[in-house]
Amino acid sequence: MAEYKKPTTEQEYLDNFAQKKPLMNPTEAYYESSRCLFCYDAPCMNACPTGIDIPLFIKQINTGNVKGAAKTIFDSNWIGNACGKVCPTGVLCEGACVYNGQDVPPLQIGRLQNFATEQVIREKTPLYAPGPDNGRQVAIVGAGPAGIAAACELRVMGYTVDIYEAKEKPSGLTVYGVAPYKITNEEVLDEMEYLQNQMGYDIHYQSPITTKEQIADLEKRYDAIFLGVGLGPTATLGIEGENLEGVVGAVEFIEELRMQKHKVEVPKNVVVIGGGNTAMDAASESARMGAENVYLVYRRSKDRMGAYGFEYELAVKSGVKGVFSAQPKALLGEGKVNGVSFYRTKDVNGKLEYGDETFTIDCDMVIKATGQAKMGSFLQMIDGLELDNRKRIKVNLESYQTTNPKYFAGGDAVNGGAEVVNGAYEGKQAAKGIHAWLNAL
């Protein structure tokens, strides 16, 4: 039997995807903030990619200064509310909490962060304003975490900012690609609206940049350009049967689920191929959508998976079955997928080997969580922009300036696919890099 019943209404969908980090009430926040030791050399702060002053904002919550706490968070991380929910806090700030060495539960830093920022967003409390107009204009390609962070930082410094976004909504994978039990669409979009209303940047939706003519136009009209284009669609497996009905990419599957909710049809038997965090999300989501059998298949052993351990545990608790040391050979079916043939594999001195032994798992749907294609074809249209051998944009890691000096970049197109918090940090640093470069001309 499936752990979850198939949701047929939005409320049933919300019940199946109950939030992992529910919002604290004021009493819970006061109690939890009281546990903080306010370490002088705070390891939690050092573990945060954006360097939020965690002891300070927790002290502010504890003394009733929630507005001050929110500002402390946003001063370092423009995507502070979403990051409080979607960050892997267990391996970042909370993972570094000194309580972990004392057999005491670590401080719930992510939930405290979300408590403070959610309150100012809900009450529309203004914390920032654009700086005096400096007469310069910056274009941003992509309204993901890196692009939004860059826009906010640039507006504080007085730049006019236009964001060109291919999709209908802002925040990139935060709204299109994060599992629904981590954060709701409403929470993501409320934070985006809150920031845009204060900072006053323009977002041009459904405006992909796809031609050299468009690129030339941006170069002519703007003093600098920030690339926050993220990654592309799910990469192909390169095996027989990928075009069968019922074979989908994990990123595309999660996006459809985020947008369509309970209206998405998930069959009884699902195979998810991959071992990263996206694979865990896709598998857990399939189970929560009522699939009776969800198999998560990874080519190496369990301990070699790229996913965080807690993500795999969450998937298993949702009813997912792990299958390891198995490499897909072919997707089976006529017109529609009905199974996957796998090789048995062995890890020999770090090298994956497989022989003639095969087995088949019957299924009605295959979700490929095998990484995303890079945006190489788009990036190659920009003159002088160098990519590394993995088709990531080469940047100066202090200024995030590319090899074409007019362009700066951050987020997944630079780091190859990291967390929302990494994109927020890189966008902010790139904005500072743009400011320094333009003022040195």
Protein backbone atom coordinates (compact mmCIF):
# COMPACT_ATOMS: atom_id res chain seq x y z
CA MET A 1 0.00 0.00 0.00
CA ALA A 2 1.13 3.52 -0.71
CA GLU A 3 2.11 5.67 2.28
CA TYR A 4 0.09 8.54 0.80
CA LYS A 5 -3.29 8.59 -0.91
CA LYS A 6 -3.47 10.24 -4.30
CA PRO A 7 -4.54 13.87 -3.73
CA THR A 8 -7.67 14.88 -5.61
CA THR A 9 -8.09 18.37 -4.13
CA GLU A 10 -5.68 21.17 -3.35
CA GLN A 11 -6.19 20.65 0.39
CA GLU A 12 -5.27 16.96 0.07
CA TYR A 13 -2.23 18.01 -1.92
CA LEU A 14 -1.22 20.46 0.83
CA ASP A 15 -1.73 17.76 3.46
CA ASN A 16 0.54 15.36 1.57
CA PHE A 17 3.17 18.07 1.17
CA ALA A 18 3.04 19.45 4.72
CA GLN A 19 5.96 21.81 5.32
CA LYS A 20 9.18 20.33 6.70
CA LYS A 21 9.90 23.58 8.53
CA PRO A 22 6.54 24.99 9.65
CA LEU A 23 6.44 28.61 10.72
CA MET A 24 7.16 29.18 14.42
CA ASN A 25 4.75 31.15 16.56
CA PRO A 26 6.17 33.94 18.78
CA THR A 27 6.33 31.69 21.85
CA GLU A 28 8.25 29.00 20.00
CA ALA A 29 10.62 31.60 18.55
CA TYR A 30 11.24 33.14 21.98
CA TYR A 31 11.95 29.76 23.56
CA GLU A 32 14.21 28.61 20.74
CA SER A 33 16.14 31.87 20.58
CA SER A 34 16.69 31.61 24.37
CA ARG A 35 18.74 28.46 23.78
CA CYS A 36 21.39 30.30 21.75
CA LEU A 37 24.79 30.60 23.48
CA PHE A 38 25.71 33.61 21.30
CA CYS A 39 29.14 32.14 20.58
CA TYR A 40 31.84 34.76 20.08
CA ASP A 41 33.48 32.93 17.18
CA ALA A 42 30.15 31.60 15.95
CA PRO A 43 30.67 28.42 13.87
CA CYS A 44 27.12 28.73 12.53
CA MET A 45 27.94 32.11 11.01
CA ASN A 46 31.14 30.77 9.47
CA ALA A 47 29.15 27.90 7.92
CA CYS A 48 26.67 30.24 6.21
CA PRO A 49 27.71 30.96 2.58
CA THR A 50 26.29 34.48 2.92
CA GLY A 51 27.84 35.12 6.33
CA ILE A 52 24.63 36.14 8.11
CA ASP A 53 25.34 37.35 11.67
CA ILE A 54 23.29 34.53 13.17
CA PRO A 55 23.97 35.25 16.87
CA LEU A 56 22.91 38.86 16.33
CA PHE A 57 19.60 38.13 14.62
CA ILE A 58 18.75 35.45 17.19
CA LYS A 59 19.49 37.93 20.01
CA GLN A 60 17.25 40.44 18.26
CA ILE A 61 14.40 37.91 18.09
CA ASN A 62 14.89 37.06 21.76
CA THR A 63 14.65 40.74 22.75
CA GLY A 64 11.54 41.35 20.65
CA ASN A 65 13.26 43.21 17.80
CA VAL A 66 11.94 41.07 14.97
CA LYS A 67 12.24 43.88 12.42
CA GLY A 68 15.91 44.30 13.33
CA ALA A 69 16.44 40.56 13.04
CA ALA A 70 14.95 40.54 9.55
CA LYS A 71 17.18 43.40 8.48
CA THR A 72 20.26 41.62 9.83
CA ILE A 73 19.32 38.64 7.68
CA PHE A 74 18.50 40.57 4.50
CA ASP A 75 21.64 42.71 4.86
CA SER A 76 23.66 39.57 4.13
CA ASN A 77 21.21 37.49 2.10
CA TRP A 78 18.56 39.08 -0.12
CA ILE A 79 16.77 35.71 -0.39
CA GLY A 80 16.74 35.34 3.39
CA ASN A 81 13.20 34.07 3.82
CA ALA A 82 13.39 31.30 1.22
CA CYS A 83 16.83 30.26 2.40
CA GLY A 84 15.49 29.81 5.93
CA LYS A 85 13.31 27.03 4.52
CA VAL A 86 15.16 25.52 1.55
CA CYS A 87 18.77 25.68 2.75
CA PRO A 88 20.30 22.37 3.90
CA THR A 89 20.70 23.89 7.36
CA GLY A 90 21.55 20.50 8.82
CA VAL A 91 24.86 20.54 6.98
CA LEU A 92 25.42 24.30 7.07
CA CYS A 93 24.57 26.57 10.04
CA GLU A 94 22.73 24.02 12.19
CA GLY A 95 25.29 21.39 11.31
CA ALA A 96 27.98 23.66 12.76
CA CYS A 97 26.05 24.49 15.97
CA VAL A 98 28.14 23.76 19.09
CA TYR A 99 25.22 21.86 20.59
CA ASN A 100 25.96 19.00 18.17
CA GLY A 101 29.01 18.15 20.27
CA GLN A 102 26.99 18.01 23.47
CA ASP A 103 24.25 15.54 22.51
CA VAL A 104 21.79 18.43 22.47
CA PRO A 105 19.61 19.23 19.42
CA PRO A 106 21.13 22.10 17.43
CA LEU A 107 19.41 25.44 17.41
CA GLN A 108 16.67 25.63 14.75
CA ILE A 109 18.38 28.49 12.95
CA GLY A 110 16.50 28.09 9.67
CA ARG A 111 13.11 28.30 11.33
CA LEU A 112 14.16 31.32 13.39
CA GLN A 113 15.39 32.99 10.21
CA ASN A 114 12.08 32.26 8.53
CA PHE A 115 10.14 33.54 11.57
CA ALA A 116 11.81 36.96 11.40
CA THR A 117 11.72 37.48 7.65
CA GLU A 118 8.18 36.14 7.19
CA GLN A 119 6.85 38.68 9.65
CA VAL A 120 8.21 41.74 7.82
CA ILE A 121 7.08 40.29 4.48
CA ARG A 122 3.56 39.64 5.77
CA GLU A 123 3.33 43.12 7.31
CA LYS A 124 5.04 44.73 4.28
CA THR A 125 7.51 46.44 6.61
CA PRO A 126 9.90 48.57 4.52
CA LEU A 127 13.57 47.95 5.30
CA TYR A 128 15.31 49.33 2.21
CA ALA A 129 15.08 51.98 -0.46
CA PRO A 130 16.94 52.45 -3.77
CA GLY A 131 20.04 54.63 -3.65
CA PRO A 132 20.21 57.97 -5.49
CA ASP A 133 20.14 57.43 -9.27
CA ASN A 134 23.72 57.24 -10.53
CA GLY A 135 22.74 57.41 -14.20
CA ARG A 136 23.92 53.90 -15.06
CA GLN A 137 21.91 50.90 -16.20
CA VAL A 138 22.49 47.18 -15.73
CA ALA A 139 20.72 44.31 -17.49
CA ILE A 140 20.23 41.00 -15.70
CA VAL A 141 19.46 37.83 -17.63
CA GLY A 142 17.51 35.49 -15.38
CA ALA A 143 15.32 36.21 -12.33
CA GLY A 144 16.65 33.36 -10.21
CA PRO A 145 18.24 33.80 -6.77
CA ALA A 146 21.49 35.18 -8.23
CA GLY A 147 19.70 37.62 -10.52
CA ILE A 148 17.34 38.88 -7.81
CA ALA A 149 20.18 39.30 -5.31
CA ALA A 150 22.24 41.21 -7.88
CA ALA A 151 19.27 43.44 -8.69
CA CYS A 152 18.62 44.34 -5.05
CA GLU A 153 22.27 45.11 -4.36
CA LEU A 154 22.59 47.22 -7.51
CA ARG A 155 19.45 49.22 -6.69
CA VAL A 156 20.84 50.07 -3.24
CA MET A 157 23.81 51.58 -5.10
CA GLY A 158 21.58 53.62 -7.42
CA TYR A 159 21.66 51.62 -10.65
CA THR A 160 18.64 51.26 -12.92
CA VAL A 161 18.05 47.51 -13.31
CA ASP A 162 16.09 45.54 -15.90
CA ILE A 163 15.73 41.78 -15.51
CA TYR A 164 14.93 39.59 -18.52
CA GLU A 165 13.26 36.35 -17.47
CA ALA A 166 12.20 33.54 -19.81
CA LYS A 167 9.45 32.19 -17.55
CA GLU A 168 6.27 33.69 -16.07
CA LYS A 169 7.44 33.94 -12.45
CA PRO A 170 10.58 35.07 -10.61
CA SER A 171 12.99 33.18 -8.34
CA GLY A 172 14.06 30.42 -10.74
CA LEU A 173 14.21 26.95 -9.23
CA THR A 174 13.06 28.30 -5.86
CA VAL A 175 9.52 28.31 -7.22
CA TYR A 176 9.95 25.96 -10.19
CA GLY A 177 12.33 23.32 -8.88
CA VAL A 178 12.22 22.96 -5.08
CA ALA A 179 10.10 20.23 -3.52
CA PRO A 180 6.72 21.61 -2.35
CA TYR A 181 7.21 20.30 1.21
CA LYS A 182 10.19 22.65 1.60
CA ILE A 183 8.46 25.90 0.66
CA THR A 184 5.13 26.91 -0.87
CA ASN A 185 4.69 28.92 -4.07
CA GLU A 186 3.02 31.66 -2.05
CA GLU A 187 5.97 32.04 0.32
CA VAL A 188 8.43 32.29 -2.56
CA LEU A 189 6.41 34.80 -4.54
CA ASP A 190 5.54 36.92 -1.50
CA GLU A 191 9.25 37.43 -0.84
CA MET A 192 9.87 38.28 -4.49
CA GLU A 193 7.05 40.86 -4.42
CA TYR A 194 8.31 42.29 -1.12
CA LEU A 195 11.79 42.86 -2.55
CA GLN A 196 10.65 44.26 -5.88
CA ASN A 197 8.21 46.70 -4.26
CA GLN A 198 11.00 48.16 -2.15
CA MET A 199 13.85 48.09 -4.62
CA GLY A 200 12.03 49.08 -7.80
CA TYR A 201 13.75 46.95 -10.43
CA ASP A 202 11.81 45.92 -13.54
CA ILE A 203 11.29 42.30 -14.56
CA HIS A 204 10.37 41.52 -18.18
CA TYR A 205 8.71 38.11 -18.03
CA GLN A 206 8.55 35.63 -20.92
CA SER A 207 11.47 37.49 -22.45
CA PRO A 208 14.16 34.93 -23.23
CA ILE A 209 17.40 36.15 -24.78
CA THR A 210 18.03 33.72 -27.62
CA THR A 211 19.81 35.54 -30.47
CA LYS A 212 23.02 37.44 -31.09
CA GLU A 213 20.91 40.41 -32.14
CA GLN A 214 19.27 40.53 -28.70
CA ILE A 215 22.66 40.24 -27.05
CA ALA A 216 24.04 43.08 -29.15
CA ASP A 217 21.05 45.22 -28.20
CA LEU A 218 21.68 44.61 -24.48
CA GLU A 219 25.36 45.45 -24.89
CA LYS A 220 24.44 48.70 -26.61
CA ARG A 221 21.83 49.82 -24.08
CA TYR A 222 23.38 48.79 -20.75
CA ASP A 223 26.61 49.65 -18.97
CA ALA A 224 27.03 46.10 -17.65
CA ILE A 225 25.22 42.76 -17.92
CA PHE A 226 24.79 40.09 -15.26
CA LEU A 227 24.19 36.50 -16.35
CA GLY A 228 22.08 34.50 -13.94
CA VAL A 229 20.77 32.01 -16.48
CA GLY A 230 21.02 28.87 -14.35
CA LEU A 231 20.99 25.49 -16.03
CA GLY A 232 18.99 23.98 -18.87
CA PRO A 233 16.65 20.98 -19.16
CA THR A 234 17.40 17.52 -17.76
CA ALA A 235 20.37 15.88 -19.48
CA THR A 236 19.70 12.84 -21.65
CA LEU A 237 20.73 9.30 -20.70
CA GLY A 238 21.72 8.42 -24.25
CA ILE A 239 19.99 5.02 -24.17
CA GLU A 240 17.18 3.30 -26.05
CA GLY A 241 13.61 4.33 -25.21
CA GLU A 242 14.11 7.84 -23.92
CA ASN A 243 11.42 9.17 -26.23
CA LEU A 244 8.73 6.84 -24.92
CA GLU A 245 5.63 8.35 -23.36
CA GLY A 246 5.96 8.45 -19.58
CA VAL A 247 9.68 9.30 -19.56
CA VAL A 248 10.25 12.75 -18.04
CA GLY A 249 13.06 14.82 -16.62
CA ALA A 250 13.08 15.44 -12.87
CA VAL A 251 13.36 19.20 -13.20
CA GLU A 252 10.41 19.27 -15.60
CA PHE A 253 8.40 16.93 -13.36
CA ILE A 254 8.97 19.08 -10.26
CA GLU A 255 8.10 22.25 -12.18
CA GLU A 256 4.82 20.77 -13.37
CA LEU A 257 4.01 19.65 -9.84
CA ARG A 258 4.76 23.10 -8.39
CA MET A 259 2.54 24.78 -10.95
CA GLN A 260 -0.31 22.24 -11.34
CA LYS A 261 -0.33 20.69 -7.84
CA HIS A 262 -2.98 17.94 -7.41
CA LYS A 263 -3.86 18.03 -11.11
CA VAL A 264 -0.62 16.22 -12.02
CA GLU A 265 -1.16 12.55 -12.83
CA VAL A 266 1.38 10.18 -11.27
CA PRO A 267 0.84 6.45 -12.02
CA LYS A 268 1.17 3.51 -9.62
CA ASN A 269 4.71 2.43 -10.46
CA VAL A 270 7.54 4.94 -10.83
CA VAL A 271 11.29 4.56 -11.36
CA VAL A 272 13.51 7.52 -10.52
CA ILE A 273 17.05 7.33 -11.92
CA GLY A 274 19.73 9.28 -10.08
CA GLY A 275 21.43 9.79 -6.73
CA GLY A 276 21.41 13.56 -6.15
CA ASN A 277 19.12 15.76 -4.11
CA THR A 278 16.84 16.35 -7.11
CA ALA A 279 16.37 12.59 -7.43
CA MET A 280 15.39 12.40 -3.76
CA ASP A 281 12.85 15.20 -4.24
CA ALA A 282 11.35 13.61 -7.35
CA ALA A 283 11.07 10.22 -5.66
CA SER A 284 9.53 11.60 -2.47
CA GLU A 285 7.11 13.73 -4.48
CA SER A 286 6.01 10.74 -6.57
CA ALA A 287 5.21 8.83 -3.39
CA ARG A 288 3.33 11.80 -1.94
CA MET A 289 1.28 11.95 -5.13
CA GLY A 290 -0.01 8.45 -4.43
CA ALA A 291 2.33 6.19 -6.41
CA GLU A 292 2.22 2.71 -4.86
CA ASN A 293 5.76 1.71 -5.80
CA VAL A 294 8.57 4.22 -6.20
CA TYR A 295 12.04 2.87 -6.96
CA LEU A 296 15.04 5.16 -6.60
CA VAL A 297 17.81 3.60 -8.67
CA TYR A 298 21.44 4.74 -8.46
CA ARG A 299 24.40 3.41 -10.40
CA ARG A 300 26.76 3.21 -7.42
CA SER A 301 26.44 2.19 -3.76
CA LYS A 302 24.27 4.10 -1.29
CA ASP A 303 27.26 5.79 0.37
CA ARG A 304 28.43 7.20 -2.98
CA MET A 305 25.22 9.14 -3.64
CA GLY A 306 25.59 12.89 -4.04
CA ALA A 307 22.41 13.55 -2.05
CA TYR A 308 22.44 14.61 1.57
CA GLY A 309 21.71 11.72 3.92
CA PHE A 310 18.67 13.43 5.39
CA GLU A 311 17.18 13.83 1.90
CA TYR A 312 17.43 10.09 1.28
CA GLU A 313 15.94 9.33 4.72
CA LEU A 314 13.02 11.63 3.93
CA ALA A 315 12.40 9.79 0.66
CA VAL A 316 12.48 6.40 2.40
CA LYS A 317 10.04 7.65 5.05
CA SER A 318 7.74 8.67 2.20
CA GLY A 319 7.70 5.06 0.98
CA VAL A 320 10.52 5.10 -1.59
CA LYS A 321 12.59 1.94 -2.15
CA GLY A 322 16.31 2.33 -2.86
CA VAL A 323 18.02 0.19 -5.49
CA PHE A 324 21.79 0.56 -5.75
CA SER A 325 24.63 -0.53 -8.03
CA ALA A 326 22.39 -0.50 -11.09
CA GLN A 327 22.99 1.30 -14.40
CA PRO A 328 20.08 1.77 -16.84
CA LYS A 329 20.55 -0.23 -20.04
CA ALA A 330 17.31 0.59 -21.87
CA LEU A 331 13.84 1.98 -21.30
CA LEU A 332 11.28 -0.59 -22.39
CA GLY A 333 7.89 -0.33 -24.02
CA GLU A 334 6.06 0.29 -27.28
CA GLY A 335 4.85 3.87 -27.44
CA LYS A 336 4.62 4.08 -23.65
CA VAL A 337 7.25 3.06 -21.11
CA ASN A 338 6.51 -0.12 -19.15
CA GLY A 339 9.85 -0.91 -17.59
CA VAL A 340 13.57 -0.27 -17.30
CA SER A 341 16.35 -2.77 -17.95
CA PHE A 342 19.42 -2.36 -15.71
CA TYR A 343 22.97 -3.67 -15.60
CA ARG A 344 24.36 -4.76 -12.25
CA THR A 345 27.44 -2.66 -11.51
CA LYS A 346 30.55 -2.89 -9.36
CA ASP A 347 32.81 -0.12 -8.08
CA VAL A 348 36.38 -1.23 -8.71
CA ASN A 349 39.00 1.21 -7.40
CA GLY A 350 36.63 4.10 -7.98
CA LYS A 351 35.78 3.01 -11.52
CA LEU A 352 32.29 1.82 -12.40
CA GLU A 353 32.21 -1.58 -14.10
CA TYR A 354 29.32 -3.74 -15.23
CA GLY A 355 29.04 -7.09 -16.95
CA ASP A 356 26.28 -9.08 -18.63
CA GLU A 357 23.97 -9.53 -15.63
CA THR A 358 20.77 -7.53 -16.04
CA PHE A 359 17.40 -7.17 -14.36
CA THR A 360 14.17 -5.30 -15.10
CA ILE A 361 11.88 -3.13 -13.00
CA ASP A 362 8.34 -2.76 -14.31
CA CYS A 363 6.94 0.76 -14.19
CA ASP A 364 4.49 3.21 -15.76
CA MET A 365 6.72 6.26 -15.45
CA VAL A 366 10.45 7.00 -15.50
CA ILE A 367 11.86 10.20 -13.99
CA LYS A 368 15.40 11.02 -15.06
CA ALA A 369 17.27 12.87 -12.33
CA THR A 370 20.60 12.71 -14.09
CA GLY A 371 21.68 16.33 -13.94
CA GLN A 372 20.85 19.29 -16.14
CA ALA A 373 22.31 20.33 -19.46
CA LYS A 374 24.37 23.51 -19.38
CA MET A 375 23.41 26.68 -21.26
CA GLY A 376 26.40 26.33 -23.56
CA SER A 377 24.63 27.15 -26.83
CA PHE A 378 23.38 30.46 -25.43
CA LEU A 379 26.63 31.39 -23.73
CA GLN A 380 28.67 30.69 -26.84
CA MET A 381 26.84 33.52 -28.62
CA ILE A 382 28.52 36.06 -26.33
CA ASP A 383 31.84 37.20 -27.77
CA GLY A 384 34.85 36.70 -25.54
CA LEU A 385 32.97 34.71 -22.89
CA GLU A 386 35.05 31.71 -21.88
CA LEU A 387 33.59 28.49 -20.48
CA ASP A 388 35.44 25.73 -18.67
CA ASN A 389 35.49 22.09 -19.81
CA ARG A 390 32.14 21.54 -18.06
CA LYS A 391 30.54 24.47 -19.91
CA ARG A 392 30.40 26.64 -16.79
CA ILE A 393 31.11 30.36 -17.09
CA LYS A 394 34.64 31.28 -16.03
CA VAL A 395 34.67 34.16 -13.54
CA ASN A 396 37.01 35.98 -11.21
CA LEU A 397 35.83 34.57 -7.87
CA GLU A 398 36.25 37.92 -6.11
CA SER A 399 34.33 40.14 -8.54
CA TYR A 400 32.44 37.48 -10.55
CA GLN A 401 33.52 39.28 -13.71
CA THR A 402 33.78 37.05 -16.77
CA THR A 403 36.44 37.03 -19.48
CA ASN A 404 34.29 39.53 -21.37
CA PRO A 405 34.65 42.49 -18.97
CA LYS A 406 31.15 43.85 -19.61
CA TYR A 407 29.63 40.62 -18.32
CA PHE A 408 29.40 39.33 -14.76
CA ALA A 409 27.83 36.03 -13.76
CA GLY A 410 26.73 33.95 -10.78
CA GLY A 411 24.51 31.08 -9.73
CA ASP A 412 24.26 27.65 -11.31
CA ALA A 413 25.76 28.75 -14.64
CA VAL A 414 28.97 29.44 -12.69
CA ASN A 415 28.94 26.89 -9.87
CA GLY A 416 27.41 24.06 -11.91
CA GLY A 417 24.41 23.60 -9.64
CA ALA A 418 24.50 24.49 -5.94
CA GLU A 419 22.08 25.79 -3.32
CA VAL A 420 19.80 28.85 -3.42
CA VAL A 421 22.03 30.46 -0.81
CA ASN A 422 25.08 30.11 -3.07
CA GLY A 423 23.25 31.89 -5.88
CA ALA A 424 22.21 34.67 -3.48
CA TYR A 425 25.82 35.14 -2.36
CA GLU A 426 27.24 35.16 -5.89
CA GLY A 427 24.64 37.63 -7.17
CA LYS A 428 25.41 40.03 -4.34
CA GLN A 429 29.18 39.74 -4.87
CA ALA A 430 28.77 40.25 -8.63
CA ALA A 431 26.80 43.46 -8.02
CA LYS A 432 29.69 44.74 -5.92
CA GLY A 433 32.04 43.70 -8.71
CA ILE A 434 29.98 45.62 -11.28
CA HIS A 435 30.02 48.71 -9.07
CA ALA A 436 33.78 48.56 -8.59
CA TRP A 437 34.45 48.00 -12.32
CA LEU A 438 32.19 50.80 -13.54
CA ASN A 439 33.62 53.24 -11.04
CA ALA A 440 37.17 52.36 -12.10
CA LEU A 441 36.53 53.15 -15.79
